[in-house]
Amino acid sequence: MVITSRTRNRHTYPDLPEYQHAEGNSTAHLKSSTLGVSETIMLVGGNLLLGTWQDIYFCEFDGPRNRHFYVRITEEK
């Protein structure tokens, strides 16, 4: 593991002596905050506007468990 900013993140890596989180899912929260929890993707002609090498993935960091997905489609005016 390469730690790029020990000063800023010194309490976020379980292998460091300063790590103070032991409730069991802190790493899941950190991964989720790094990747984000929502995304905005345009629709064109009823299709998702994704690049050639782009895809949509669901990453489960604290599971498995039941999840709900919410999709909102808004119209540009």
PDB file of N, CA and C in Angstrom:
ATOM      1  N   MET A   1       0.841  -1.173   0.000  1.00  0.00           N
ATOM      2  CA  MET A   1       0.000   0.000   0.000  1.00  0.00           C
ATOM      3  C   MET A   1       0.887   1.236   0.000  1.00  0.00           C
ATOM      4  N   VAL A   2       0.600   2.161  -0.870  1.00  0.00           N
ATOM      5  CA  VAL A   2       1.334   3.416  -0.924  1.00  0.00           C
ATOM      6  C   VAL A   2       0.465   4.488  -0.297  1.00  0.00           C
ATOM      7  N   ILE A   3       0.988   5.147   0.699  1.00  0.00           N
ATOM      8  CA  ILE A   3       0.255   6.222   1.357  1.00  0.00           C
ATOM      9  C   ILE A   3       0.748   7.535   0.771  1.00  0.00           C
ATOM     10  N   THR A   4      -0.116   8.218   0.059  1.00  0.00           N
ATOM     11  CA  THR A   4       0.305   9.423  -0.646  1.00  0.00           C
ATOM     12  C   THR A   4       0.282  10.668   0.223  1.00  0.00           C
ATOM     13  N   SER A   5      -0.514  10.666   1.255  1.00  0.00           N
ATOM     14  CA  SER A   5      -0.596  11.852   2.103  1.00  0.00           C
ATOM     15  C   SER A   5      -0.784  11.430   3.547  1.00  0.00           C
ATOM     16  N   ARG A   6       0.266  11.035   4.180  1.00  0.00           N
ATOM     17  CA  ARG A   6       0.174  10.542   5.546  1.00  0.00           C
ATOM     18  C   ARG A   6      -0.323  11.619   6.503  1.00  0.00           C
ATOM     19  N   THR A   7       0.053  12.853   6.283  1.00  0.00           N
ATOM     20  CA  THR A   7      -0.381  13.922   7.172  1.00  0.00           C
ATOM     21  C   THR A   7      -1.898  14.050   7.180  1.00  0.00           C
ATOM     22  N   ARG A   8      -2.491  14.086   6.005  1.00  0.00           N
ATOM     23  CA  ARG A   8      -3.933  14.277   5.907  1.00  0.00           C
ATOM     24  C   ARG A   8      -4.707  13.018   6.271  1.00  0.00           C
ATOM     25  N   ASN A   9      -4.186  11.858   5.946  1.00  0.00           N
ATOM     26  CA  ASN A   9      -4.930  10.611   6.104  1.00  0.00           C
ATOM     27  C   ASN A   9      -4.351   9.674   7.158  1.00  0.00           C
ATOM     28  N   ARG A  10      -3.630  10.198   8.097  1.00  0.00           N
ATOM     29  CA  ARG A  10      -2.923   9.310   9.018  1.00  0.00           C
ATOM     30  C   ARG A  10      -3.845   8.452   9.881  1.00  0.00           C
ATOM     31  N   HIS A  11      -5.112   8.809   9.994  1.00  0.00           N
ATOM     32  CA  HIS A  11      -6.034   8.020  10.808  1.00  0.00           C
ATOM     33  C   HIS A  11      -6.935   7.115   9.971  1.00  0.00           C
ATOM     34  N   THR A  12      -6.672   6.981   8.678  1.00  0.00           N
ATOM     35  CA  THR A  12      -7.579   6.232   7.809  1.00  0.00           C
ATOM     36  C   THR A  12      -7.039   4.882   7.349  1.00  0.00           C
ATOM     37  N   TYR A  13      -5.837   4.515   7.712  1.00  0.00           N
ATOM     38  CA  TYR A  13      -5.258   3.249   7.272  1.00  0.00           C
ATOM     39  C   TYR A  13      -5.120   2.289   8.456  1.00  0.00           C
ATOM     40  N   PRO A  14      -5.804   1.143   8.403  1.00  0.00           N
ATOM     41  CA  PRO A  14      -5.805   0.207   9.529  1.00  0.00           C
ATOM     42  C   PRO A  14      -4.427  -0.281   9.953  1.00  0.00           C
ATOM     43  N   ASP A  15      -3.430  -0.253   9.068  1.00  0.00           N
ATOM     44  CA  ASP A  15      -2.103  -0.761   9.422  1.00  0.00           C
ATOM     45  C   ASP A  15      -1.257   0.249  10.191  1.00  0.00           C
ATOM     46  N   LEU A  16      -1.701   1.477  10.280  1.00  0.00           N
ATOM     47  CA  LEU A  16      -0.923   2.495  10.987  1.00  0.00           C
ATOM     48  C   LEU A  16      -1.276   2.495  12.470  1.00  0.00           C
ATOM     49  N   PRO A  17      -0.290   2.759  13.329  1.00  0.00           N
ATOM     50  CA  PRO A  17      -0.554   2.765  14.771  1.00  0.00           C
ATOM     51  C   PRO A  17      -1.573   3.824  15.191  1.00  0.00           C
ATOM     52  N   GLU A  18      -1.700   4.914  14.417  1.00  0.00           N
ATOM     53  CA  GLU A  18      -2.615   5.990  14.777  1.00  0.00           C
ATOM     54  C   GLU A  18      -4.072   5.675  14.438  1.00  0.00           C
ATOM     55  N   TYR A  19      -4.302   4.561  13.747  1.00  0.00           N
ATOM     56  CA  TYR A  19      -5.661   4.197  13.323  1.00  0.00           C
ATOM     57  C   TYR A  19      -6.551   4.030  14.544  1.00  0.00           C
ATOM     58  N   GLN A  20      -7.696   4.739  14.577  1.00  0.00           N
ATOM     59  CA  GLN A  20      -8.538   4.739  15.771  1.00  0.00           C
ATOM     60  C   GLN A  20      -9.962   4.260  15.518  1.00  0.00           C
ATOM     61  N   HIS A  21     -10.205   3.576  14.431  1.00  0.00           N
ATOM     62  CA  HIS A  21     -11.570   3.180  14.092  1.00  0.00           C
ATOM     63  C   HIS A  21     -11.657   1.661  14.069  1.00  0.00           C
ATOM     64  N   ALA A  22     -12.495   1.108  14.918  1.00  0.00           N
ATOM     65  CA  ALA A  22     -12.572  -0.342  14.998  1.00  0.00           C
ATOM     66  C   ALA A  22     -14.008  -0.856  14.958  1.00  0.00           C
ATOM     67  N   GLU A  23     -14.959  -0.047  14.483  1.00  0.00           N
ATOM     68  CA  GLU A  23     -16.340  -0.508  14.459  1.00  0.00           C
ATOM     69  C   GLU A  23     -16.597  -1.506  13.338  1.00  0.00           C
ATOM     70  N   GLY A  24     -15.627  -1.702  12.455  1.00  0.00           N
ATOM     71  CA  GLY A  24     -15.742  -2.760  11.465  1.00  0.00           C
ATOM     72  C   GLY A  24     -16.019  -2.316  10.041  1.00  0.00           C
ATOM     73  N   ASN A  25     -16.513  -1.102   9.834  1.00  0.00           N
ATOM     74  CA  ASN A  25     -16.810  -0.707   8.459  1.00  0.00           C
ATOM     75  C   ASN A  25     -16.226   0.657   8.098  1.00  0.00           C
ATOM     76  N   SER A  26     -15.245   1.110   8.816  1.00  0.00           N
ATOM     77  CA  SER A  26     -14.625   2.404   8.498  1.00  0.00           C
ATOM     78  C   SER A  26     -14.016   2.403   7.107  1.00  0.00           C
ATOM     79  N   THR A  27     -13.358   1.322   6.731  1.00  0.00           N
ATOM     80  CA  THR A  27     -12.757   1.281   5.397  1.00  0.00           C
ATOM     81  C   THR A  27     -13.831   1.360   4.313  1.00  0.00           C
ATOM     82  N   ALA A  28     -15.012   0.787   4.575  1.00  0.00           N
ATOM     83  CA  ALA A  28     -16.114   0.886   3.613  1.00  0.00           C
ATOM     84  C   ALA A  28     -16.546   2.339   3.440  1.00  0.00           C
ATOM     85  N   HIS A  29     -16.621   3.079   4.540  1.00  0.00           N
ATOM     86  CA  HIS A  29     -16.991   4.494   4.467  1.00  0.00           C
ATOM     87  C   HIS A  29     -15.943   5.290   3.701  1.00  0.00           C
ATOM     88  N   LEU A  30     -14.690   5.005   3.936  1.00  0.00           N
ATOM     89  CA  LEU A  30     -13.619   5.719   3.243  1.00  0.00           C
ATOM     90  C   LEU A  30     -13.640   5.441   1.745  1.00  0.00           C
ATOM     91  N   LYS A  31     -13.822   4.189   1.376  1.00  0.00           N
ATOM     92  CA  LYS A  31     -13.886   3.845  -0.048  1.00  0.00           C
ATOM     93  C   LYS A  31     -15.091   4.511  -0.713  1.00  0.00           C
ATOM     94  N   SER A  32     -16.223   4.493  -0.034  1.00  0.00           N
ATOM     95  CA  SER A  32     -17.423   5.114  -0.578  1.00  0.00           C
ATOM     96  C   SER A  32     -17.250   6.616  -0.749  1.00  0.00           C
ATOM     97  N   SER A  33     -16.625   7.266   0.225  1.00  0.00           N
ATOM     98  CA  SER A  33     -16.430   8.714   0.111  1.00  0.00           C
ATOM     99  C   SER A  33     -15.429   9.052  -0.986  1.00  0.00           C
ATOM    100  N   THR A  34     -14.515   8.146  -1.266  1.00  0.00           N
ATOM    101  CA  THR A  34     -13.551   8.372  -2.341  1.00  0.00           C
ATOM    102  C   THR A  34     -14.219   8.267  -3.713  1.00  0.00           C
ATOM    103  N   LEU A  35     -15.077   7.264  -3.893  1.00  0.00           N
ATOM    104  CA  LEU A  35     -15.721   7.043  -5.188  1.00  0.00           C
ATOM    105  C   LEU A  35     -16.986   7.862  -5.388  1.00  0.00           C
ATOM    106  N   GLY A  36     -17.630   8.242  -4.303  1.00  0.00           N
ATOM    107  CA  GLY A  36     -18.887   8.976  -4.403  1.00  0.00           C
ATOM    108  C   GLY A  36     -20.077   8.038  -4.374  1.00  0.00           C
ATOM    109  N   VAL A  37     -21.239   8.600  -4.107  1.00  0.00           N
ATOM    110  CA  VAL A  37     -22.435   7.769  -3.958  1.00  0.00           C
ATOM    111  C   VAL A  37     -23.494   8.046  -5.014  1.00  0.00           C
ATOM    112  N   SER A  38     -23.228   8.965  -5.926  1.00  0.00           N
ATOM    113  CA  SER A  38     -24.197   9.237  -6.983  1.00  0.00           C
ATOM    114  C   SER A  38     -23.468   9.638  -8.261  1.00  0.00           C
ATOM    115  N   GLU A  39     -24.202   9.580  -9.344  1.00  0.00           N
ATOM    116  CA  GLU A  39     -23.614   9.911 -10.642  1.00  0.00           C
ATOM    117  C   GLU A  39     -24.691  10.515 -11.528  1.00  0.00           C
ATOM    118  N   THR A  40     -24.299  11.412 -12.386  1.00  0.00           N
ATOM    119  CA  THR A  40     -25.204  12.002 -13.366  1.00  0.00           C
ATOM    120  C   THR A  40     -24.738  11.579 -14.753  1.00  0.00           C
ATOM    121  N   ILE A  41     -25.636  10.949 -15.501  1.00  0.00           N
ATOM    122  CA  ILE A  41     -25.300  10.470 -16.843  1.00  0.00           C
ATOM    123  C   ILE A  41     -26.394  10.937 -17.794  1.00  0.00           C
ATOM    124  N   MET A  42     -25.991  11.492 -18.899  1.00  0.00           N
ATOM    125  CA  MET A  42     -26.959  11.995 -19.878  1.00  0.00           C
ATOM    126  C   MET A  42     -27.568  10.857 -20.689  1.00  0.00           C
ATOM    127  N   LEU A  43     -28.820  11.068 -21.087  1.00  0.00           N
ATOM    128  CA  LEU A  43     -29.516  10.172 -22.012  1.00  0.00           C
ATOM    129  C   LEU A  43     -29.666  10.894 -23.342  1.00  0.00           C
ATOM    130  N   VAL A  44     -29.322  10.218 -24.420  1.00  0.00           N
ATOM    131  CA  VAL A  44     -29.494  10.777 -25.762  1.00  0.00           C
ATOM    132  C   VAL A  44     -30.229   9.732 -26.597  1.00  0.00           C
ATOM    133  N   GLY A  45     -31.403  10.084 -27.065  1.00  0.00           N
ATOM    134  CA  GLY A  45     -32.194   9.137 -27.856  1.00  0.00           C
ATOM    135  C   GLY A  45     -32.573   7.899 -27.073  1.00  0.00           C
ATOM    136  N   GLY A  46     -32.746   8.038 -25.770  1.00  0.00           N
ATOM    137  CA  GLY A  46     -33.117   6.906 -24.924  1.00  0.00           C
ATOM    138  C   GLY A  46     -31.956   6.021 -24.516  1.00  0.00           C
ATOM    139  N   ASN A  47     -30.722   6.391 -24.877  1.00  0.00           N
ATOM    140  CA  ASN A  47     -29.532   5.607 -24.524  1.00  0.00           C
ATOM    141  C   ASN A  47     -28.618   6.402 -23.603  1.00  0.00           C
ATOM    142  N   LEU A  48     -27.950   5.689 -22.707  1.00  0.00           N
ATOM    143  CA  LEU A  48     -26.971   6.337 -21.836  1.00  0.00           C
ATOM    144  C   LEU A  48     -25.813   6.858 -22.667  1.00  0.00           C
ATOM    145  N   LEU A  49     -25.393   8.071 -22.405  1.00  0.00           N
ATOM    146  CA  LEU A  49     -24.280   8.670 -23.132  1.00  0.00           C
ATOM    147  C   LEU A  49     -22.982   8.337 -22.395  1.00  0.00           C
ATOM    148  N   LEU A  50     -22.395   7.206 -22.758  1.00  0.00           N
ATOM    149  CA  LEU A  50     -21.148   6.733 -22.166  1.00  0.00           C
ATOM    150  C   LEU A  50     -20.083   6.656 -23.251  1.00  0.00           C
ATOM    151  N   GLY A  51     -18.841   6.833 -22.857  1.00  0.00           N
ATOM    152  CA  GLY A  51     -17.734   6.700 -23.790  1.00  0.00           C
ATOM    153  C   GLY A  51     -17.507   5.248 -24.164  1.00  0.00           C
ATOM    154  N   THR A  52     -16.638   5.032 -25.119  1.00  0.00           N
ATOM    155  CA  THR A  52     -16.354   3.691 -25.627  1.00  0.00           C
ATOM    156  C   THR A  52     -15.963   2.722 -24.519  1.00  0.00           C
ATOM    157  N   TRP A  53     -15.125   3.161 -23.598  1.00  0.00           N
ATOM    158  CA  TRP A  53     -14.608   2.276 -22.555  1.00  0.00           C
ATOM    159  C   TRP A  53     -15.277   2.512 -21.205  1.00  0.00           C
ATOM    160  N   GLN A  54     -16.367   3.248 -21.189  1.00  0.00           N
ATOM    161  CA  GLN A  54     -17.060   3.539 -19.937  1.00  0.00           C
ATOM    162  C   GLN A  54     -18.171   2.538 -19.688  1.00  0.00           C
ATOM    163  N   ASP A  55     -18.426   2.287 -18.417  1.00  0.00           N
ATOM    164  CA  ASP A  55     -19.488   1.403 -17.966  1.00  0.00           C
ATOM    165  C   ASP A  55     -19.969   1.907 -16.621  1.00  0.00           C
ATOM    166  N   ILE A  56     -21.020   1.314 -16.118  1.00  0.00           N
ATOM    167  CA  ILE A  56     -21.536   1.649 -14.794  1.00  0.00           C
ATOM    168  C   ILE A  56     -21.358   0.424 -13.913  1.00  0.00           C
ATOM    169  N   TYR A  57     -20.778   0.633 -12.735  1.00  0.00           N
ATOM    170  CA  TYR A  57     -20.537  -0.459 -11.793  1.00  0.00           C
ATOM    171  C   TYR A  57     -21.109  -0.109 -10.433  1.00  0.00           C
ATOM    172  N   PHE A  58     -21.597  -1.112  -9.744  1.00  0.00           N
ATOM    173  CA  PHE A  58     -22.002  -0.964  -8.352  1.00  0.00           C
ATOM    174  C   PHE A  58     -20.920  -1.607  -7.507  1.00  0.00           C
ATOM    175  N   CYS A  59     -20.342  -0.854  -6.599  1.00  0.00           N
ATOM    176  CA  CYS A  59     -19.277  -1.360  -5.732  1.00  0.00           C
ATOM    177  C   CYS A  59     -19.818  -1.523  -4.321  1.00  0.00           C
ATOM    178  N   GLU A  60     -19.781  -2.723  -3.807  1.00  0.00           N
ATOM    179  CA  GLU A  60     -20.263  -3.023  -2.463  1.00  0.00           C
ATOM    180  C   GLU A  60     -19.071  -3.130  -1.531  1.00  0.00           C
ATOM    181  N   PHE A  61     -18.956  -2.209  -0.592  1.00  0.00           N
ATOM    182  CA  PHE A  61     -17.831  -2.197   0.339  1.00  0.00           C
ATOM    183  C   PHE A  61     -18.221  -2.653   1.735  1.00  0.00           C
ATOM    184  N   ASP A  62     -19.509  -2.801   2.011  1.00  0.00           N
ATOM    185  CA  ASP A  62     -19.950  -3.137   3.365  1.00  0.00           C
ATOM    186  C   ASP A  62     -21.132  -4.093   3.279  1.00  0.00           C
ATOM    187  N   GLY A  63     -20.892  -5.264   2.766  1.00  0.00           N
ATOM    188  CA  GLY A  63     -22.026  -6.160   2.550  1.00  0.00           C
ATOM    189  C   GLY A  63     -21.579  -7.599   2.526  1.00  0.00           C
ATOM    190  N   PRO A  64     -22.346  -8.451   1.963  1.00  0.00           N
ATOM    191  CA  PRO A  64     -23.532  -8.166   1.158  1.00  0.00           C
ATOM    192  C   PRO A  64     -24.741  -7.799   2.026  1.00  0.00           C
ATOM    193  N   ARG A  65     -25.614  -7.005   1.444  1.00  0.00           N
ATOM    194  CA  ARG A  65     -26.870  -6.622   2.078  1.00  0.00           C
ATOM    195  C   ARG A  65     -27.827  -6.155   0.990  1.00  0.00           C
ATOM    196  N   ASN A  66     -29.091  -6.005   1.351  1.00  0.00           N
ATOM    197  CA  ASN A  66     -30.084  -5.518   0.389  1.00  0.00           C
ATOM    198  C   ASN A  66     -29.866  -4.030   0.142  1.00  0.00           C
ATOM    199  N   ARG A  67     -29.973  -3.628  -1.105  1.00  0.00           N
ATOM    200  CA  ARG A  67     -29.779  -2.223  -1.490  1.00  0.00           C
ATOM    201  C   ARG A  67     -30.929  -1.779  -2.384  1.00  0.00           C
ATOM    202  N   HIS A  68     -31.145  -0.486  -2.442  1.00  0.00           N
ATOM    203  CA  HIS A  68     -32.127   0.110  -3.343  1.00  0.00           C
ATOM    204  C   HIS A  68     -31.400   1.052  -4.284  1.00  0.00           C
ATOM    205  N   PHE A  69     -31.799   1.034  -5.535  1.00  0.00           N
ATOM    206  CA  PHE A  69     -31.267   1.963  -6.530  1.00  0.00           C
ATOM    207  C   PHE A  69     -32.372   2.949  -6.880  1.00  0.00           C
ATOM    208  N   TYR A  70     -32.022   4.190  -6.957  1.00  0.00           N
ATOM    209  CA  TYR A  70     -32.981   5.219  -7.341  1.00  0.00           C
ATOM    210  C   TYR A  70     -32.504   5.869  -8.630  1.00  0.00           C
ATOM    211  N   VAL A  71     -33.412   5.990  -9.574  1.00  0.00           N
ATOM    212  CA  VAL A  71     -33.097   6.618 -10.853  1.00  0.00           C
ATOM    213  C   VAL A  71     -34.042   7.799 -11.033  1.00  0.00           C
ATOM    214  N   ARG A  72     -33.477   8.949 -11.328  1.00  0.00           N
ATOM    215  CA  ARG A  72     -34.283  10.137 -11.608  1.00  0.00           C
ATOM    216  C   ARG A  72     -33.960  10.599 -13.024  1.00  0.00           C
ATOM    217  N   ILE A  73     -34.992  10.743 -13.812  1.00  0.00           N
ATOM    218  CA  ILE A  73     -34.811  11.246 -15.170  1.00  0.00           C
ATOM    219  C   ILE A  73     -35.408  12.648 -15.217  1.00  0.00           C
ATOM    220  N   THR A  74     -34.578  13.614 -15.560  1.00  0.00           N
ATOM    221  CA  THR A  74     -35.039  14.996 -15.651  1.00  0.00           C
ATOM    222  C   THR A  74     -34.927  15.464 -17.089  1.00  0.00           C
ATOM    223  N   GLU A  75     -35.822  16.344 -17.448  1.00  0.00           N
ATOM    224  CA  GLU A  75     -35.856  16.863 -18.811  1.00  0.00           C
ATOM    225  C   GLU A  75     -35.188  18.229 -18.856  1.00  0.00           C
ATOM    226  N   GLU A  76     -34.339  18.411 -19.842  1.00  0.00           N
ATOM    227  CA  GLU A  76     -33.701  19.708 -20.019  1.00  0.00           C
ATOM    228  C   GLU A  76     -34.707  20.664 -20.639  1.00  0.00           C
ATOM    229  N   LYS A  77     -34.818  21.859 -20.060  1.00  0.00           N
ATOM    230  CA  LYS A  77     -35.800  22.833 -20.576  1.00  0.00           C
ATOM    231  C   LYS A  77     -35.116  24.069 -21.058  1.00  0.00           C
TER     232      LYS A  77
END
